């Protein structure tokens, strides 16, 4: 479980923009 802003789709708090994309 790595905190990657590109791969972490389960982490909206880390990458809210990635979730939108």
Protein backbone atom coordinates (compact mmCIF):
# COMPACT_ATOMS: atom_id res chain seq x y z
CA UNK A 1 0.00 0.00 0.00
CA UNK A 2 1.91 3.01 -1.27
CA UNK A 3 0.69 6.59 -1.11
CA UNK A 4 1.03 7.51 -4.78
CA UNK A 5 -0.97 10.50 -6.10
CA UNK A 6 -1.25 8.76 -9.44
CA UNK A 7 -1.94 5.18 -8.40
CA UNK A 8 -3.78 5.82 -5.14
CA UNK A 9 -7.37 6.00 -6.31
CA UNK A 10 -8.53 4.96 -2.87
CA UNK A 11 -6.93 8.04 -1.34
CA UNK A 12 -9.08 11.04 -2.25
CA UNK A 13 -7.45 13.01 0.56
CA UNK A 14 -4.04 12.55 -1.07
CA UNK A 15 -5.08 13.04 -4.67
CA UNK A 16 -8.45 14.80 -5.00
CA UNK A 17 -7.57 15.91 -8.51
CA UNK A 18 -6.71 12.38 -9.60
CA UNK A 19 -10.11 11.26 -8.38
CA UNK A 20 -11.73 13.82 -10.67
CA UNK A 21 -9.68 12.63 -13.61
